[in-house]
C-alpha atoms as a PDB file:
ATOM      1  CA  MET A   1      18.719 -40.501  23.197  1.00  0.00           C
ATOM      2  CA  GLU A   2      19.920 -38.286  20.385  1.00  0.00           C
ATOM      3  CA  GLN A   3      23.216 -36.420  20.485  1.00  0.00           C
ATOM      4  CA  ALA A   4      21.409 -33.029  20.645  1.00  0.00           C
ATOM      5  CA  GLU A   5      19.605 -34.193  23.778  1.00  0.00           C
ATOM      6  CA  TRP A   6      22.754 -35.415  25.382  1.00  0.00           C
ATOM      7  CA  ASP A   7      24.456 -32.068  24.585  1.00  0.00           C
ATOM      8  CA  ARG A   8      21.532 -30.196  26.229  1.00  0.00           C
ATOM      9  CA  LEU A   9      21.700 -32.328  29.339  1.00  0.00           C
ATOM     10  CA  GLU A  10      25.453 -31.949  29.470  1.00  0.00           C
ATOM     11  CA  LEU A  11      25.051 -28.128  29.278  1.00  0.00           C
ATOM     12  CA  TRP A  12      22.598 -28.207  32.221  1.00  0.00           C
ATOM     13  CA  ARG A  13      24.963 -30.375  34.235  1.00  0.00           C
ATOM     14  CA  LYS A  14      27.801 -27.922  33.668  1.00  0.00           C
ATOM     15  CA  PHE A  15      25.431 -25.071  34.653  1.00  0.00           C
ATOM     16  CA  PHE A  16      24.518 -26.682  37.974  1.00  0.00           C
ATOM     17  CA  VAL A  17      28.097 -27.388  39.059  1.00  0.00           C
ATOM     18  CA  GLY A  18      28.309 -24.370  41.350  1.00  0.00           C
ATOM     19  CA  LYS A  19      24.650 -24.345  42.525  1.00  0.00           C
ATOM     20  CA  ASN A  20      23.451 -25.398  45.885  1.00  0.00           C
ATOM     21  CA  ARG A  21      20.533 -27.898  46.332  1.00  0.00           C
ATOM     22  CA  LYS A  22      17.850 -25.196  46.689  1.00  0.00           C
ATOM     23  CA  SER A  23      18.985 -23.450  43.496  1.00  0.00           C
ATOM     24  CA  ARG A  24      18.994 -26.720  41.561  1.00  0.00           C
ATOM     25  CA  ALA A  25      15.433 -27.462  42.664  1.00  0.00           C
ATOM     26  CA  SER A  26      14.272 -24.048  41.447  1.00  0.00           C
ATOM     27  CA  TYR A  27      15.835 -24.679  38.063  1.00  0.00           C
ATOM     28  CA  LYS A  28      13.890 -27.872  37.351  1.00  0.00           C
ATOM     29  CA  LEU A  29      11.412 -26.369  34.934  1.00  0.00           C
ATOM     30  CA  ARG A  30      13.740 -23.993  33.269  1.00  0.00           C
ATOM     31  CA  ARG A  31      14.332 -23.797  29.538  1.00  0.00           C
ATOM     32  CA  VAL A  32      17.028 -22.980  27.055  1.00  0.00           C
ATOM     33  CA  CYS A  33      17.428 -19.550  25.405  1.00  0.00           C
ATOM     34  CA  ILE A  34      15.914 -19.554  21.901  1.00  0.00           C
ATOM     35  CA  SER A  35      18.732 -17.323  20.652  1.00  0.00           C
ATOM     36  CA  CYS A  36      21.945 -18.648  22.146  1.00  0.00           C
ATOM     37  CA  GLY A  37      20.882 -22.047  23.610  1.00  0.00           C
ATOM     38  CA  GLN A  38      22.214 -21.275  27.099  1.00  0.00           C
ATOM     39  CA  PRO A  39      20.073 -22.290  30.196  1.00  0.00           C
ATOM     40  CA  VAL A  40      17.738 -19.456  31.190  1.00  0.00           C
ATOM     41  CA  VAL A  41      15.762 -18.301  34.243  1.00  0.00           C
ATOM     42  CA  ASP A  42      12.764 -17.097  32.308  1.00  0.00           C
ATOM     43  CA  ALA A  43      10.748 -15.152  34.908  1.00  0.00           C
ATOM     44  CA  ASN A  44       9.082 -12.974  32.146  1.00  0.00           C
ATOM     45  CA  ARG A  45       8.480 -16.006  29.870  1.00  0.00           C
ATOM     46  CA  SER A  46      10.207 -14.376  26.835  1.00  0.00           C
ATOM     47  CA  GLY A  47      12.342 -17.484  26.013  1.00  0.00           C
ATOM     48  CA  TYR A  48      15.582 -15.363  26.091  1.00  0.00           C
ATOM     49  CA  CYS A  49      18.460 -15.379  28.583  1.00  0.00           C
ATOM     50  CA  SER A  50      19.160 -12.060  30.147  1.00  0.00           C
ATOM     51  CA  HIS A  51      21.935 -11.204  27.729  1.00  0.00           C
ATOM     52  CA  CYS A  52      19.857 -11.916  24.653  1.00  0.00           C
ATOM     53  CA  LEU A  53      16.806 -10.283  26.066  1.00  0.00           C
ATOM     54  CA  GLN A  54      18.734  -7.057  26.564  1.00  0.00           C
ATOM     55  CA  ALA A  55      20.091  -7.218  22.991  1.00  0.00           C
ATOM     56  CA  VAL A  56      16.530  -7.815  21.639  1.00  0.00           C
ATOM     57  CA  LYS A  57      15.100  -4.906  23.638  1.00  0.00           C
ATOM     58  CA  TYR A  58      17.956  -2.608  22.479  1.00  0.00           C
ATOM     59  CA  SER A  59      17.345  -3.486  18.784  1.00  0.00           C
ATOM     60  CA  LEU A  60      13.674  -2.899  19.079  1.00  0.00           C
ATOM     61  CA  ASN A  61      14.277   0.480  20.740  1.00  0.00           C
ATOM     62  CA  LYS A  62      16.749   1.346  17.988  1.00  0.00           C
ATOM     63  CA  LYS A  63      14.211   0.534  15.275  1.00  0.00           C
ATOM     64  CA  ARG A  64      11.520   2.638  16.987  1.00  0.00           C
ATOM     65  CA  ARG A  65      13.989   5.586  17.209  1.00  0.00           C
ATOM     66  CA  ARG A  66      15.001   5.231  13.639  1.00  0.00           C
ATOM     67  CA  PHE A  67      11.608   4.724  11.973  1.00  0.00           C
ATOM     68  CA  LYS A  68       9.337   7.528  13.262  1.00  0.00           C
ATOM     69  CA  ALA A  69       5.807   7.579  11.973  1.00  0.00           C
ATOM     70  CA  GLU A  70       4.878  10.362   9.678  1.00  0.00           C
ATOM     71  CA  GLY A  71       2.036  12.652  10.547  1.00  0.00           C
ATOM     72  CA  GLU A  72      -1.063  13.114   8.374  1.00  0.00           C
ATOM     73  CA  ALA A  73      -0.147  16.731   7.481  1.00  0.00           C
ATOM     74  CA  HIS A  74       3.234  15.554   6.182  1.00  0.00           C
ATOM     75  CA  ILE A  75       1.673  12.768   4.104  1.00  0.00           C
ATOM     76  CA  MET A  76      -0.769  15.304   2.675  1.00  0.00           C
ATOM     77  CA  LEU A  77       2.043  17.610   1.758  1.00  0.00           C
ATOM     78  CA  LYS A  78       3.766  14.785  -0.137  1.00  0.00           C
ATOM     79  CA  GLU A  79       0.630  14.050  -2.109  1.00  0.00           C
ATOM     80  CA  ARG A  80       0.385  17.732  -3.021  1.00  0.00           C
ATOM     81  CA  VAL A  81       4.026  17.734  -4.189  1.00  0.00           C
ATOM     82  CA  GLY A  82       3.420  14.743  -6.318  1.00  0.00           C
ATOM     83  CA  GLN A  83       0.663  16.661  -8.116  1.00  0.00           C
ATOM     84  CA  PHE A  84       2.918  19.673  -8.371  1.00  0.00           C
ATOM     85  CA  LEU A  85       5.768  17.661 -10.016  1.00  0.00           C
ATOM     86  CA  ALA A  86       3.240  15.978 -12.377  1.00  0.00           C
ATOM     87  CA  SER A  87       1.892  19.443 -13.413  1.00  0.00           C
ATOM     88  CA  LEU A  88       5.502  20.456 -14.147  1.00  0.00           C
ATOM     89  CA  GLY A  89       5.749  17.458 -16.459  1.00  0.00           C
ATOM     90  CA  CYS A  90       8.132  15.201 -14.530  1.00  0.00           C
ATOM     91  CA  GLU A  91       8.405  11.823 -16.126  1.00  0.00           C
ATOM     92  CA  HIS A  92       9.402   9.957 -13.037  1.00  0.00           C
ATOM     93  CA  ILE A  93       8.424  10.721  -9.420  1.00  0.00           C
ATOM     94  CA  GLU A  94       9.810   8.914  -6.380  1.00  0.00           C
ATOM     95  CA  TRP A  95       9.090   9.318  -2.633  1.00  0.00           C
ATOM     96  CA  GLU A  96      11.659   8.922   0.245  1.00  0.00           C
ATOM     97  CA  VAL A  97      14.774   8.825  -1.971  1.00  0.00           C
ATOM     98  CA  ARG A  98      18.337   8.714  -0.663  1.00  0.00           C
ATOM     99  CA  LEU A  99      20.868  10.633  -2.709  1.00  0.00           C
ATOM    100  CA  GLY A 100      24.621  10.707  -2.676  1.00  0.00           C
ATOM    101  CA  GLY A 101      25.134   7.171  -1.382  1.00  0.00           C
ATOM    102  CA  GLY A 102      22.891   7.648   1.508  1.00  0.00           C
ATOM    103  CA  LEU A 103      24.284  11.147   2.317  1.00  0.00           C
ATOM    104  CA  CYS A 104      20.894  12.938   2.109  1.00  0.00           C
ATOM    105  CA  LYS A 105      17.236  11.873   2.000  1.00  0.00           C
ATOM    106  CA  THR A 106      14.659  13.913   0.238  1.00  0.00           C
ATOM    107  CA  ASP A 107      10.889  13.687   0.524  1.00  0.00           C
ATOM    108  CA  VAL A 108       9.990  13.706  -3.128  1.00  0.00           C
ATOM    109  CA  LEU A 109      12.268  13.527  -6.204  1.00  0.00           C
ATOM    110  CA  GLY A 110      11.164  14.164  -9.799  1.00  0.00           C
ATOM    111  CA  LEU A 111      13.006  13.799 -13.055  1.00  0.00           C
ATOM    112  CA  LEU A 112      12.250  16.463 -15.871  1.00  0.00           C
ATOM    113  CA  ASN A 113      14.273  16.322 -19.078  1.00  0.00           C
ATOM    114  CA  GLY A 114      17.217  14.783 -17.315  1.00  0.00           C
ATOM    115  CA  ARG A 115      17.154  17.380 -14.412  1.00  0.00           C
ATOM    116  CA  LYS A 116      16.594  16.230 -10.853  1.00  0.00           C
ATOM    117  CA  ILE A 117      14.018  18.240  -8.866  1.00  0.00           C
ATOM    118  CA  ALA A 118      13.888  17.610  -5.072  1.00  0.00           C
ATOM    119  CA  VAL A 119      10.971  18.861  -2.907  1.00  0.00           C
ATOM    120  CA  GLU A 120      11.199  18.958   0.891  1.00  0.00           C
ATOM    121  CA  CYS A 121       7.852  18.933   2.696  1.00  0.00           C
ATOM    122  CA  GLY A 122       7.471  21.006   5.916  1.00  0.00           C
ATOM    123  CA  GLY A 123      10.546  22.125   7.752  1.00  0.00           C
ATOM    124  CA  SER A 124      14.063  21.164   6.938  1.00  0.00           C
ATOM    125  CA  LEU A 125      17.610  21.942   8.298  1.00  0.00           C
ATOM    126  CA  MET A 126      19.640  24.466   6.360  1.00  0.00           C
ATOM    127  CA  ARG A 127      22.556  22.094   6.268  1.00  0.00           C
ATOM    128  CA  LYS A 128      20.444  19.408   4.649  1.00  0.00           C
ATOM    129  CA  LEU A 129      19.195  21.806   1.954  1.00  0.00           C
ATOM    130  CA  GLY A 130      22.732  22.925   1.183  1.00  0.00           C
ATOM    131  CA  VAL A 131      23.857  19.279   0.792  1.00  0.00           C
ATOM    132  CA  LEU A 132      20.716  18.560  -1.268  1.00  0.00           C
ATOM    133  CA  GLN A 133      21.380  21.525  -3.631  1.00  0.00           C
ATOM    134  CA  GLY A 134      24.740  20.014  -4.458  1.00  0.00           C
ATOM    135  CA  LEU A 135      23.191  16.705  -5.376  1.00  0.00           C
ATOM    136  CA  VAL A 136      20.167  17.889  -7.486  1.00  0.00           C
ATOM    137  CA  ASP A 137      19.499  20.665  -9.989  1.00  0.00           C
ATOM    138  CA  GLU A 138      16.566  22.409  -8.218  1.00  0.00           C
ATOM    139  CA  VAL A 139      15.257  22.318  -4.626  1.00  0.00           C
ATOM    140  CA  TYR A 140      11.691  23.364  -3.781  1.00  0.00           C
ATOM    141  CA  ILE A 141      10.199  23.535  -0.259  1.00  0.00           C
ATOM    142  CA  LEU A 142       6.506  23.213   0.459  1.00  0.00           C
ATOM    143  CA  PRO A 143       5.899  24.665   4.006  1.00  0.00           C
ATOM    144  CA  TYR A 144       3.018  23.507   6.226  1.00  0.00           C
ATOM    145  CA  GLY A 145      -0.197  25.336   5.380  1.00  0.00           C
ATOM    146  CA  GLU A 146       0.839  26.371   1.833  1.00  0.00           C
ATOM    147  CA  LYS A 147      -0.624  25.146  -1.462  1.00  0.00           C
ATOM    148  CA  LYS A 148       2.454  25.528  -3.753  1.00  0.00           C
ATOM    149  CA  PRO A 149       6.165  24.963  -3.107  1.00  0.00           C
ATOM    150  CA  PHE A 150       8.692  27.697  -3.616  1.00  0.00           C
ATOM    151  CA  LEU A 151      12.191  27.477  -5.243  1.00  0.00           C
ATOM    152  CA  TRP A 152      14.814  27.522  -2.593  1.00  0.00           C
ATOM    153  CA  ASN A 153      18.285  29.130  -2.934  1.00  0.00           C
ATOM    154  CA  PRO A 154      21.063  29.551  -0.355  1.00  0.00           C
ATOM    155  CA  ASP A 155      20.058  33.209   0.324  1.00  0.00           C
ATOM    156  CA  ILE A 156      16.677  32.136   1.766  1.00  0.00           C
ATOM    157  CA  VAL A 157      16.685  31.039   5.399  1.00  0.00           C
ATOM    158  CA  VAL A 158      13.786  28.699   6.352  1.00  0.00           C
ATOM    159  CA  CYS A 159      12.357  27.612   9.634  1.00  0.00           C
ATOM    160  CA  TYR A 160      13.295  24.006  10.402  1.00  0.00           C
ATOM    161  CA  HIS A 161       9.838  23.374  12.009  1.00  0.00           C
ATOM    162  CA  CYS A 162       7.370  24.529   9.442  1.00  0.00           C
ATOM    163  CA  GLY A 163       9.471  25.430   6.361  1.00  0.00           C
ATOM    164  CA  HIS A 164       8.362  29.102   5.983  1.00  0.00           C
ATOM    165  CA  PRO A 165      11.002  31.641   5.025  1.00  0.00           C
ATOM    166  CA  VAL A 166      12.282  33.501   8.090  1.00  0.00           C
END
């Protein structure tokens, strides 16, 4: 037998030390966790021990919370904004850009003669718009249901759901 096989058998032997005969019989067909290598009772056939299974489920839920799918209306607004920035004459247009070392994310960013123009699609928080204004030269907002974005300044309060001025 190879050394790895001996190590696995030794691990099982240590695991069975405190178990009674009935428990030992129920563990005959058990496997080893694919993540940490510990013996597992794999009732749900995932291949993970209970500790690793919980960690995997937590990381999947965290990813689902972090990456929300965008709606069709929001994607259409972004396409409209791309056309708007192209009509302004922007040389470079980027989508989903993080600015200020990850401090703020904007939907669409265009560069026009060295000036940064950020456009938010739909609703946005006022705090985010204030931070964004400090990072770029101009901030536009394209509300849901509108054809052209409007230039935002701190005097204009917008709805954080739809983006229309309040």
